[in-house]
């Protein structure tokens, strides 16, 4: 279960009161991603997932979590990465999207981190055609970069329906 008060890595020690955003960071493949801690409801071990016929390829199925049926997205499939056997680090990150709960299967959860606003670049300019509408920004944690996902646009709308 997710505990908001543990594993907080304060990256803003020397920011002298600068405003920070807090993110839960996780791994999918070799990349680190983050979602706002305000959107995260819980972290759960892998449990039995019920397959849903005719669901989009990245939808693994649904789970029963404390009496609620929650759709579960396989983030490796969503990012077009090769499948990987689930292991003891694989978790289902439950996030709130437009007042609905959605599960995201991720390879591992890293940390809960504070990122100063000055270390988040929200304007991302690519010369290639890349859809950045679901990216809140790129955060810097020391020398590492974290892709900050806007789960409202990333997982909302018709992305969870047949198509």
N, C-alpha and C. Protein backbone atom coordinates (compact mmCIF):
# COMPACT_ATOMS: atom_id res chain seq x y z
N UNK A 1 0.83 -1.18 0.00
CA UNK A 1 0.00 0.00 0.00
C UNK A 1 0.88 1.25 0.00
N UNK A 2 0.46 2.25 -0.68
CA UNK A 2 1.19 3.50 -0.81
C UNK A 2 1.06 4.32 0.46
N UNK A 3 2.17 4.82 0.94
CA UNK A 3 2.19 5.66 2.13
C UNK A 3 2.85 6.98 1.77
N UNK A 4 2.08 8.05 1.81
CA UNK A 4 2.53 9.37 1.38
C UNK A 4 3.70 9.90 2.20
N UNK A 5 3.97 9.36 3.37
CA UNK A 5 4.98 9.94 4.24
C UNK A 5 6.32 9.19 4.21
N UNK A 6 6.42 8.11 3.43
CA UNK A 6 7.68 7.38 3.42
C UNK A 6 8.37 7.50 2.07
N UNK A 7 9.64 7.27 2.05
CA UNK A 7 10.44 7.28 0.82
C UNK A 7 10.41 8.62 0.11
N UNK A 8 10.31 9.71 0.84
CA UNK A 8 10.32 11.01 0.19
C UNK A 8 11.75 11.48 0.08
N UNK A 9 12.18 11.66 -1.15
CA UNK A 9 13.54 12.14 -1.41
C UNK A 9 13.42 13.63 -1.71
N UNK A 10 13.89 14.45 -0.81
CA UNK A 10 13.75 15.89 -0.99
C UNK A 10 14.88 16.42 -1.86
N UNK A 11 14.54 16.75 -3.09
CA UNK A 11 15.54 17.28 -4.02
C UNK A 11 15.59 18.79 -3.96
N UNK A 12 14.86 19.38 -3.03
CA UNK A 12 14.77 20.83 -2.97
C UNK A 12 15.40 21.39 -1.71
N UNK A 13 16.39 20.69 -1.15
CA UNK A 13 16.99 21.12 0.10
C UNK A 13 17.56 22.53 0.03
N UNK A 14 18.13 22.91 -1.12
CA UNK A 14 18.78 24.21 -1.20
C UNK A 14 18.00 25.19 -2.08
N UNK A 15 16.68 25.01 -2.19
CA UNK A 15 15.88 25.89 -3.04
C UNK A 15 15.32 27.08 -2.27
N UNK A 16 15.57 27.15 -0.97
CA UNK A 16 15.18 28.30 -0.14
C UNK A 16 13.70 28.67 -0.34
N UNK A 17 12.84 27.70 -0.09
CA UNK A 17 11.41 27.98 -0.11
C UNK A 17 10.79 27.98 -1.50
N UNK A 18 11.52 27.59 -2.52
CA UNK A 18 10.95 27.54 -3.86
C UNK A 18 9.83 26.50 -3.90
N UNK A 19 8.78 26.78 -4.66
CA UNK A 19 7.66 25.86 -4.77
C UNK A 19 8.10 24.58 -5.46
N UNK A 20 7.63 23.44 -4.93
CA UNK A 20 7.98 22.14 -5.50
C UNK A 20 6.70 21.37 -5.81
N UNK A 21 6.80 20.47 -6.76
CA UNK A 21 5.73 19.52 -7.03
C UNK A 21 6.23 18.15 -6.61
N UNK A 22 5.33 17.32 -6.10
CA UNK A 22 5.70 16.00 -5.62
C UNK A 22 5.19 14.94 -6.60
N UNK A 23 6.07 13.99 -6.96
CA UNK A 23 5.74 12.97 -7.95
C UNK A 23 6.10 11.59 -7.43
N UNK A 24 5.29 10.60 -7.82
CA UNK A 24 5.66 9.20 -7.66
C UNK A 24 6.38 8.82 -8.94
N UNK A 25 7.63 8.34 -8.83
CA UNK A 25 8.39 7.97 -10.02
C UNK A 25 8.40 6.45 -10.16
N UNK A 26 8.41 6.02 -11.41
CA UNK A 26 8.37 4.59 -11.70
C UNK A 26 9.13 4.30 -12.99
N UNK A 27 9.49 3.03 -13.16
CA UNK A 27 10.23 2.59 -14.34
C UNK A 27 9.32 1.81 -15.27
N UNK A 28 9.46 2.09 -16.56
CA UNK A 28 8.90 1.27 -17.62
C UNK A 28 10.03 1.12 -18.63
N UNK A 29 10.52 -0.09 -18.80
CA UNK A 29 11.71 -0.28 -19.61
C UNK A 29 12.89 0.39 -18.92
N UNK A 30 13.66 1.14 -19.69
CA UNK A 30 14.84 1.81 -19.15
C UNK A 30 14.56 3.26 -18.77
N UNK A 31 13.32 3.70 -18.88
CA UNK A 31 12.99 5.10 -18.64
C UNK A 31 12.27 5.29 -17.31
N UNK A 32 12.50 6.46 -16.72
CA UNK A 32 11.83 6.84 -15.49
C UNK A 32 10.73 7.84 -15.81
N UNK A 33 9.55 7.58 -15.27
CA UNK A 33 8.39 8.44 -15.46
C UNK A 33 7.90 8.88 -14.09
N UNK A 34 7.10 9.93 -14.08
CA UNK A 34 6.52 10.40 -12.84
C UNK A 34 5.09 10.83 -13.04
N UNK A 35 4.28 10.65 -12.00
CA UNK A 35 2.91 11.18 -11.98
C UNK A 35 2.74 11.93 -10.67
N UNK A 36 1.91 12.95 -10.72
CA UNK A 36 1.67 13.75 -9.53
C UNK A 36 1.19 12.87 -8.38
N UNK A 37 1.76 13.08 -7.22
CA UNK A 37 1.38 12.30 -6.04
C UNK A 37 -0.10 12.52 -5.72
N UNK A 38 -0.65 13.65 -6.14
CA UNK A 38 -2.06 13.94 -5.90
C UNK A 38 -2.99 13.02 -6.70
N UNK A 39 -2.48 12.41 -7.78
CA UNK A 39 -3.28 11.52 -8.62
C UNK A 39 -3.17 10.06 -8.20
N UNK A 40 -2.18 9.73 -7.38
CA UNK A 40 -1.93 8.34 -7.00
C UNK A 40 -2.79 7.96 -5.80
N UNK A 41 -3.54 6.88 -5.98
CA UNK A 41 -4.39 6.38 -4.90
C UNK A 41 -3.71 5.28 -4.09
N UNK A 42 -3.01 4.38 -4.80
CA UNK A 42 -2.33 3.29 -4.09
C UNK A 42 -1.34 2.59 -5.01
N UNK A 43 -0.46 1.82 -4.39
CA UNK A 43 0.45 0.92 -5.09
C UNK A 43 0.06 -0.48 -4.66
N UNK A 44 -0.11 -1.37 -5.63
CA UNK A 44 -0.56 -2.72 -5.30
C UNK A 44 0.35 -3.75 -5.96
N UNK A 45 0.56 -4.86 -5.26
CA UNK A 45 1.26 -5.98 -5.86
C UNK A 45 0.42 -6.50 -7.02
N UNK A 46 1.06 -7.24 -7.90
CA UNK A 46 0.32 -7.85 -9.01
C UNK A 46 -0.72 -8.81 -8.43
N UNK A 47 -1.93 -8.69 -8.93
CA UNK A 47 -3.00 -9.60 -8.55
C UNK A 47 -3.62 -10.14 -9.83
N UNK A 48 -4.55 -11.06 -9.68
CA UNK A 48 -5.19 -11.65 -10.85
C UNK A 48 -5.93 -10.58 -11.64
N UNK A 49 -5.67 -10.56 -12.94
CA UNK A 49 -6.30 -9.60 -13.84
C UNK A 49 -7.24 -10.36 -14.77
N UNK A 50 -8.48 -9.91 -14.85
CA UNK A 50 -9.48 -10.54 -15.71
C UNK A 50 -9.43 -9.93 -17.09
N UNK A 51 -9.23 -10.77 -18.10
CA UNK A 51 -9.16 -10.33 -19.50
C UNK A 51 -10.53 -9.81 -19.94
N UNK A 52 -10.54 -8.73 -20.72
CA UNK A 52 -11.76 -8.17 -21.27
C UNK A 52 -11.72 -8.35 -22.79
N UNK A 53 -12.66 -9.12 -23.36
CA UNK A 53 -12.66 -9.33 -24.81
C UNK A 53 -12.81 -8.02 -25.58
N UNK A 54 -12.13 -7.94 -26.72
CA UNK A 54 -12.18 -6.80 -27.64
C UNK A 54 -11.66 -5.49 -27.04
N UNK A 55 -10.91 -5.57 -25.95
CA UNK A 55 -10.30 -4.36 -25.38
C UNK A 55 -9.11 -3.98 -26.24
N UNK A 56 -8.73 -2.72 -26.18
CA UNK A 56 -7.54 -2.26 -26.92
C UNK A 56 -6.33 -3.05 -26.45
N UNK A 57 -5.32 -3.15 -27.29
CA UNK A 57 -4.17 -4.01 -27.04
C UNK A 57 -3.44 -3.68 -25.74
N UNK A 58 -3.38 -2.41 -25.36
CA UNK A 58 -2.63 -2.03 -24.15
C UNK A 58 -3.43 -2.23 -22.87
N UNK A 59 -4.71 -2.57 -22.98
CA UNK A 59 -5.52 -2.82 -21.78
C UNK A 59 -5.35 -4.28 -21.40
N UNK A 60 -4.77 -4.50 -20.23
CA UNK A 60 -4.50 -5.85 -19.76
C UNK A 60 -5.79 -6.53 -19.31
N UNK A 61 -6.72 -5.74 -18.77
CA UNK A 61 -7.98 -6.28 -18.27
C UNK A 61 -8.50 -5.43 -17.13
N UNK A 62 -9.21 -6.09 -16.21
CA UNK A 62 -9.75 -5.38 -15.05
C UNK A 62 -9.40 -6.14 -13.78
N UNK A 63 -9.36 -5.41 -12.67
CA UNK A 63 -9.14 -6.02 -11.36
C UNK A 63 -10.27 -5.61 -10.44
N UNK A 64 -10.45 -6.40 -9.39
CA UNK A 64 -11.40 -6.07 -8.34
C UNK A 64 -10.58 -5.57 -7.16
N UNK A 65 -10.68 -4.27 -6.89
CA UNK A 65 -9.91 -3.68 -5.80
C UNK A 65 -10.88 -3.12 -4.77
N UNK A 66 -10.96 -3.81 -3.64
CA UNK A 66 -11.86 -3.40 -2.55
C UNK A 66 -13.28 -3.16 -3.06
N UNK A 67 -13.76 -4.07 -3.92
CA UNK A 67 -15.13 -4.00 -4.40
C UNK A 67 -15.34 -3.15 -5.64
N UNK A 68 -14.31 -2.48 -6.12
CA UNK A 68 -14.42 -1.67 -7.34
C UNK A 68 -13.74 -2.38 -8.50
N UNK A 69 -14.38 -2.35 -9.66
CA UNK A 69 -13.78 -2.91 -10.88
C UNK A 69 -12.98 -1.80 -11.55
N UNK A 70 -11.68 -2.04 -11.73
CA UNK A 70 -10.77 -1.00 -12.22
C UNK A 70 -10.07 -1.51 -13.48
N UNK A 71 -10.12 -0.73 -14.59
CA UNK A 71 -9.37 -1.12 -15.78
C UNK A 71 -7.87 -1.00 -15.51
N UNK A 72 -7.09 -1.90 -16.14
CA UNK A 72 -5.65 -1.92 -15.92
C UNK A 72 -4.94 -1.81 -17.27
N UNK A 73 -4.04 -0.83 -17.35
CA UNK A 73 -3.25 -0.57 -18.55
C UNK A 73 -1.88 -1.20 -18.38
N UNK A 74 -1.41 -1.93 -19.37
CA UNK A 74 -0.04 -2.43 -19.38
C UNK A 74 0.82 -1.34 -20.00
N UNK A 75 1.61 -0.65 -19.19
CA UNK A 75 2.38 0.50 -19.67
C UNK A 75 3.44 0.10 -20.70
N UNK A 76 3.95 -1.12 -20.63
CA UNK A 76 4.90 -1.57 -21.66
C UNK A 76 4.21 -1.62 -23.02
N UNK A 77 2.98 -2.15 -23.05
CA UNK A 77 2.21 -2.19 -24.30
C UNK A 77 1.86 -0.77 -24.76
N UNK A 78 1.47 0.08 -23.82
CA UNK A 78 1.08 1.45 -24.15
C UNK A 78 2.25 2.19 -24.81
N UNK A 79 3.47 1.91 -24.38
CA UNK A 79 4.66 2.55 -24.92
C UNK A 79 5.31 1.73 -26.03
N UNK A 80 4.62 0.69 -26.52
CA UNK A 80 5.14 -0.17 -27.61
C UNK A 80 6.49 -0.79 -27.28
N UNK A 81 6.66 -1.22 -26.04
CA UNK A 81 7.88 -1.90 -25.61
C UNK A 81 7.65 -3.41 -25.62
N UNK A 82 8.71 -4.19 -25.75
CA UNK A 82 8.53 -5.64 -25.71
C UNK A 82 8.01 -6.10 -24.35
N UNK A 83 7.25 -7.18 -24.33
CA UNK A 83 6.73 -7.68 -23.05
C UNK A 83 7.86 -8.13 -22.13
N UNK A 84 7.58 -8.12 -20.86
CA UNK A 84 8.54 -8.57 -19.85
C UNK A 84 7.77 -9.38 -18.83
N UNK A 85 8.37 -10.46 -18.38
CA UNK A 85 7.75 -11.29 -17.35
C UNK A 85 7.57 -10.45 -16.08
N UNK A 86 6.40 -10.56 -15.46
CA UNK A 86 6.19 -9.85 -14.20
C UNK A 86 7.07 -10.47 -13.12
N UNK A 87 7.62 -9.61 -12.25
CA UNK A 87 8.48 -10.09 -11.17
C UNK A 87 8.06 -9.43 -9.86
N UNK A 88 8.89 -9.58 -8.85
CA UNK A 88 8.54 -9.06 -7.52
C UNK A 88 8.54 -7.53 -7.48
N UNK A 89 9.12 -6.87 -8.49
CA UNK A 89 9.14 -5.41 -8.53
C UNK A 89 7.94 -4.84 -9.28
N UNK A 90 7.29 -5.66 -10.11
CA UNK A 90 6.16 -5.20 -10.92
C UNK A 90 5.00 -4.85 -9.99
N UNK A 91 4.42 -3.66 -10.21
CA UNK A 91 3.29 -3.23 -9.39
C UNK A 91 2.20 -2.63 -10.27
N UNK A 92 1.02 -2.54 -9.68
CA UNK A 92 -0.08 -1.83 -10.31
C UNK A 92 -0.23 -0.51 -9.56
N UNK A 93 0.02 0.57 -10.26
CA UNK A 93 -0.09 1.91 -9.70
C UNK A 93 -1.52 2.37 -9.99
N UNK A 94 -2.29 2.62 -8.95
CA UNK A 94 -3.68 3.05 -9.12
C UNK A 94 -3.71 4.57 -9.09
N UNK A 95 -4.20 5.17 -10.21
CA UNK A 95 -4.27 6.62 -10.32
C UNK A 95 -5.72 7.04 -10.57
N UNK A 96 -6.00 8.28 -10.21
CA UNK A 96 -7.33 8.85 -10.46
C UNK A 96 -7.29 9.66 -11.74
N UNK A 97 -8.19 9.32 -12.66
CA UNK A 97 -8.29 10.00 -13.95
C UNK A 97 -9.74 10.43 -14.13
N UNK A 98 -9.97 11.73 -14.15
CA UNK A 98 -11.33 12.25 -14.31
C UNK A 98 -12.33 11.57 -13.38
N UNK A 99 -11.96 11.48 -12.10
CA UNK A 99 -12.79 10.92 -11.04
C UNK A 99 -13.04 9.42 -11.20
N UNK A 100 -12.20 8.74 -12.01
CA UNK A 100 -12.24 7.28 -12.15
C UNK A 100 -10.89 6.73 -11.74
N UNK A 101 -10.88 5.52 -11.25
CA UNK A 101 -9.61 4.88 -10.93
C UNK A 101 -9.16 4.02 -12.10
N UNK A 102 -7.86 4.07 -12.40
CA UNK A 102 -7.25 3.31 -13.47
C UNK A 102 -5.95 2.73 -12.93
N UNK A 103 -5.69 1.47 -13.26
CA UNK A 103 -4.44 0.83 -12.86
C UNK A 103 -3.43 0.91 -13.98
N UNK A 104 -2.18 1.12 -13.62
CA UNK A 104 -1.07 1.15 -14.57
C UNK A 104 -0.04 0.11 -14.12
N UNK A 105 0.20 -0.91 -14.96
CA UNK A 105 1.23 -1.90 -14.63
C UNK A 105 2.57 -1.31 -15.01
N UNK A 106 3.45 -1.15 -14.02
CA UNK A 106 4.78 -0.59 -14.25
C UNK A 106 5.83 -1.59 -13.78
N UNK A 107 7.04 -1.48 -14.35
CA UNK A 107 8.10 -2.43 -14.03
C UNK A 107 8.55 -2.32 -12.57
N UNK A 108 8.56 -1.11 -12.04
CA UNK A 108 8.97 -0.90 -10.65
C UNK A 108 8.64 0.54 -10.26
N UNK A 109 8.36 0.75 -8.98
CA UNK A 109 8.19 2.10 -8.46
C UNK A 109 9.52 2.51 -7.86
N UNK A 110 9.97 3.73 -8.18
CA UNK A 110 11.27 4.19 -7.72
C UNK A 110 11.16 4.89 -6.37
N UNK A 111 10.51 6.06 -6.36
CA UNK A 111 10.50 6.92 -5.19
C UNK A 111 9.34 7.88 -5.25
N UNK A 112 9.17 8.61 -4.17
CA UNK A 112 8.35 9.81 -4.17
C UNK A 112 9.34 10.96 -4.06
N UNK A 113 9.30 11.89 -5.01
CA UNK A 113 10.31 12.94 -5.06
C UNK A 113 9.65 14.32 -5.12
N UNK A 114 10.35 15.28 -4.57
CA UNK A 114 9.98 16.69 -4.70
C UNK A 114 10.84 17.28 -5.80
N UNK A 115 10.19 17.89 -6.80
CA UNK A 115 10.95 18.52 -7.88
C UNK A 115 10.60 20.00 -7.90
N UNK A 116 11.59 20.88 -7.69
CA UNK A 116 11.33 22.32 -7.75
C UNK A 116 10.79 22.71 -9.12
N UNK A 117 9.87 23.66 -9.15
CA UNK A 117 9.29 24.11 -10.41
C UNK A 117 10.36 24.56 -11.40
N UNK A 118 11.46 25.12 -10.89
CA UNK A 118 12.54 25.57 -11.77
C UNK A 118 13.26 24.41 -12.45
N UNK A 119 13.09 23.18 -11.92
CA UNK A 119 13.71 22.00 -12.51
C UNK A 119 12.75 21.21 -13.40
N UNK A 120 11.60 21.81 -13.74
CA UNK A 120 10.63 21.18 -14.63
C UNK A 120 10.53 22.02 -15.89
N UNK A 121 10.87 21.40 -17.01
CA UNK A 121 10.75 22.08 -18.29
C UNK A 121 9.44 21.64 -18.92
N UNK A 122 8.49 22.58 -19.03
CA UNK A 122 7.18 22.22 -19.55
C UNK A 122 7.08 22.37 -21.07
N UNK A 123 7.89 23.22 -21.64
CA UNK A 123 7.90 23.37 -23.11
C UNK A 123 8.92 22.40 -23.68
N UNK A 124 8.42 21.42 -24.42
CA UNK A 124 9.29 20.40 -24.98
C UNK A 124 9.26 20.56 -26.49
N UNK A 125 10.38 20.91 -27.07
CA UNK A 125 10.46 21.13 -28.51
C UNK A 125 11.20 20.00 -29.17
N UNK A 126 10.49 19.31 -30.05
CA UNK A 126 11.07 18.22 -30.82
C UNK A 126 11.01 18.60 -32.29
N UNK A 127 12.04 18.24 -33.03
CA UNK A 127 11.98 18.46 -34.47
C UNK A 127 11.17 17.34 -35.13
N UNK A 128 11.16 16.16 -34.51
CA UNK A 128 10.37 15.04 -35.03
C UNK A 128 8.92 15.20 -34.58
N UNK A 129 8.04 14.48 -35.21
CA UNK A 129 6.62 14.51 -34.84
C UNK A 129 6.41 13.65 -33.60
N UNK A 130 6.30 14.28 -32.46
CA UNK A 130 6.10 13.58 -31.21
C UNK A 130 4.91 14.22 -30.52
N UNK A 131 3.96 13.38 -30.08
CA UNK A 131 2.79 13.90 -29.38
C UNK A 131 3.17 14.16 -27.92
N UNK A 132 3.26 15.43 -27.56
CA UNK A 132 3.64 15.79 -26.19
C UNK A 132 2.44 16.23 -25.37
N UNK A 133 1.22 16.04 -25.89
CA UNK A 133 0.03 16.54 -25.20
C UNK A 133 -0.19 15.87 -23.85
N UNK A 134 0.30 14.66 -23.66
CA UNK A 134 0.09 13.98 -22.38
C UNK A 134 1.33 14.04 -21.48
N UNK A 135 2.29 14.88 -21.85
CA UNK A 135 3.49 15.07 -21.03
C UNK A 135 3.40 16.41 -20.33
N UNK A 136 3.39 16.38 -19.00
CA UNK A 136 3.34 17.60 -18.20
C UNK A 136 4.65 18.37 -18.32
N UNK A 137 5.74 17.62 -18.47
CA UNK A 137 7.04 18.24 -18.58
C UNK A 137 8.14 17.21 -18.37
N UNK A 138 9.37 17.71 -18.38
CA UNK A 138 10.54 16.88 -18.08
C UNK A 138 11.16 17.45 -16.81
N UNK A 139 11.29 16.60 -15.81
CA UNK A 139 11.86 17.04 -14.54
C UNK A 139 13.30 16.59 -14.40
N UNK A 140 14.09 17.41 -13.73
CA UNK A 140 15.48 17.07 -13.44
C UNK A 140 15.60 16.68 -11.98
N UNK A 141 16.20 15.53 -11.76
CA UNK A 141 16.53 15.08 -10.41
C UNK A 141 18.02 14.80 -10.43
N UNK A 142 18.80 15.75 -9.95
CA UNK A 142 20.25 15.63 -10.07
C UNK A 142 20.62 15.65 -11.54
N UNK A 143 21.29 14.60 -12.00
CA UNK A 143 21.68 14.48 -13.41
C UNK A 143 20.66 13.68 -14.22
N UNK A 144 19.64 13.14 -13.56
CA UNK A 144 18.66 12.30 -14.24
C UNK A 144 17.46 13.11 -14.71
N UNK A 145 16.83 12.63 -15.78
CA UNK A 145 15.61 13.24 -16.30
C UNK A 145 14.45 12.29 -16.08
N UNK A 146 13.28 12.87 -15.76
CA UNK A 146 12.07 12.12 -15.51
C UNK A 146 10.97 12.69 -16.41
N UNK A 147 10.32 11.82 -17.19
CA UNK A 147 9.19 12.25 -18.01
C UNK A 147 7.97 12.30 -17.10
N UNK A 148 7.40 13.51 -16.94
CA UNK A 148 6.26 13.71 -16.06
C UNK A 148 4.98 13.60 -16.87
N UNK A 149 4.20 12.56 -16.59
CA UNK A 149 2.99 12.31 -17.35
C UNK A 149 1.80 13.06 -16.77
N UNK A 150 0.98 13.60 -17.64
CA UNK A 150 -0.30 14.18 -17.26
C UNK A 150 -1.33 13.07 -17.44
N UNK A 151 -1.65 12.37 -16.36
CA UNK A 151 -2.52 11.19 -16.48
C UNK A 151 -3.92 11.55 -16.95
N UNK A 152 -4.34 12.79 -16.72
CA UNK A 152 -5.67 13.20 -17.19
C UNK A 152 -5.76 13.08 -18.71
N UNK A 153 -4.75 13.50 -19.45
CA UNK A 153 -4.79 13.39 -20.90
C UNK A 153 -4.22 12.07 -21.39
N UNK A 154 -3.27 11.51 -20.65
CA UNK A 154 -2.62 10.27 -21.08
C UNK A 154 -3.57 9.08 -21.03
N UNK A 155 -4.40 9.00 -20.00
CA UNK A 155 -5.27 7.84 -19.82
C UNK A 155 -6.76 8.15 -19.97
N UNK A 156 -7.09 9.38 -20.27
CA UNK A 156 -8.50 9.76 -20.31
C UNK A 156 -9.13 9.54 -21.68
N UNK A 157 -10.41 9.85 -21.74
CA UNK A 157 -11.14 9.83 -23.00
C UNK A 157 -11.26 8.46 -23.60
N UNK A 158 -11.11 8.39 -24.93
CA UNK A 158 -11.37 7.13 -25.63
C UNK A 158 -10.19 6.17 -25.56
N UNK A 159 -9.13 6.53 -24.85
CA UNK A 159 -7.98 5.62 -24.79
C UNK A 159 -8.32 4.33 -24.06
N UNK A 160 -9.38 4.31 -23.27
CA UNK A 160 -9.74 3.11 -22.52
C UNK A 160 -10.88 2.35 -23.20
N UNK A 161 -11.27 2.76 -24.38
CA UNK A 161 -12.38 2.09 -25.05
C UNK A 161 -11.90 1.40 -26.32
N UNK A 162 -12.75 0.61 -26.87
CA UNK A 162 -12.46 -0.12 -28.12
C UNK A 162 -12.11 0.85 -29.22
N UNK A 163 -11.14 0.46 -30.04
CA UNK A 163 -10.84 1.34 -31.16
C UNK A 163 -9.60 1.02 -31.91
